[in-house]
Amino acid sequence: MTLDDQVAVTGWLRRDAAAGDPAAQFDLGLCLAQGVGVEQDGRAAFAWVRRAAEAGHPAAARMLAQLAGQDAS
């Protein structure tokens, strides 16, 4: 996938995430965490993953639980 493709995909994810799609929120969070198609932004990544988890996205909920476990150590 080219950088132009990555940028286009993250644009679509942003649109769908803002519209409340939990899968798009989770995927956008992953893109932001890894800097895929966007500048890496850990805070924004966490916020989108949290929104997806709150909307019932199972992978997002698992990721947040894992992160909480890391913070507790």
Protein backbone atom coordinates (compact mmCIF):
# COMPACT_ATOMS: atom_id res chain seq x y z
CA MET A 1 0.00 0.00 0.00
CA THR A 2 1.41 3.37 -0.99
CA LEU A 3 1.53 6.37 1.32
CA ASP A 4 -1.18 8.02 -0.78
CA ASP A 5 -3.38 4.95 -0.23
CA GLN A 6 -2.71 5.04 3.50
CA VAL A 7 -3.64 8.71 3.69
CA ALA A 8 -6.85 8.06 1.74
CA VAL A 9 -7.83 5.17 4.00
CA THR A 10 -7.25 7.15 7.18
CA GLY A 11 -9.40 9.93 5.73
CA TRP A 12 -12.26 7.47 5.25
CA LEU A 13 -11.67 6.09 8.74
CA ARG A 14 -11.81 9.59 10.24
CA ARG A 15 -15.13 10.24 8.50
CA ASP A 16 -16.66 6.96 9.62
CA ALA A 17 -15.19 7.17 13.13
CA ALA A 18 -16.63 10.66 13.61
CA ALA A 19 -20.00 9.29 12.48
CA GLY A 20 -19.85 6.76 15.32
CA ASP A 21 -18.69 3.55 13.60
CA PRO A 22 -16.89 1.51 16.32
CA ALA A 23 -14.83 -0.51 13.80
CA ALA A 24 -13.61 2.70 12.15
CA GLN A 25 -12.86 4.21 15.58
CA PHE A 26 -10.74 1.21 16.49
CA ASP A 27 -8.94 1.08 13.14
CA LEU A 28 -8.27 4.83 13.23
CA GLY A 29 -6.85 4.42 16.73
CA LEU A 30 -4.48 1.74 15.45
CA CYS A 31 -3.41 3.93 12.53
CA LEU A 32 -2.73 6.84 14.88
CA ALA A 33 -0.82 4.60 17.29
CA GLN A 34 1.43 3.30 14.53
CA GLY A 35 1.63 6.41 12.36
CA VAL A 36 0.06 4.72 9.34
CA GLY A 37 -1.15 7.38 6.90
CA VAL A 38 -1.10 9.99 9.66
CA GLU A 39 1.37 11.49 12.09
CA GLN A 40 1.75 9.20 15.11
CA ASP A 41 -0.35 10.47 18.03
CA GLY A 42 -0.64 8.25 21.10
CA ARG A 43 -3.19 10.42 22.89
CA ALA A 44 -5.56 10.56 19.93
CA ALA A 45 -5.03 6.82 19.35
CA PHE A 46 -6.03 6.04 22.92
CA ALA A 47 -9.08 8.31 22.69
CA TRP A 48 -10.37 6.59 19.54
CA VAL A 49 -9.73 3.09 20.89
CA ARG A 50 -11.53 4.06 24.12
CA ARG A 51 -14.53 5.35 22.13
CA ALA A 52 -14.64 2.09 20.18
CA ALA A 53 -14.50 0.07 23.41
CA GLU A 54 -17.28 2.15 24.95
CA ALA A 55 -19.35 1.41 21.83
CA GLY A 56 -18.89 -2.32 22.36
CA HIS A 57 -16.01 -3.13 20.00
CA PRO A 58 -14.51 -6.33 21.53
CA ALA A 59 -10.92 -5.92 20.27
CA ALA A 60 -10.84 -2.33 21.51
CA ALA A 61 -12.09 -3.44 24.93
CA ARG A 62 -9.38 -6.12 25.11
CA MET A 63 -6.70 -3.63 24.12
CA LEU A 64 -7.79 -1.18 26.82
CA ALA A 65 -7.80 -3.97 29.41
CA GLN A 66 -4.26 -4.91 28.40
CA LEU A 67 -3.11 -1.30 28.60
CA ALA A 68 -4.71 -0.92 32.04
CA GLY A 69 -2.88 -4.06 33.17
CA GLN A 70 0.44 -2.58 32.01
CA ASP A 71 -0.22 0.63 33.91
CA ALA A 72 -0.96 -1.33 37.09
CA SER A 73 2.47 -3.01 37.05
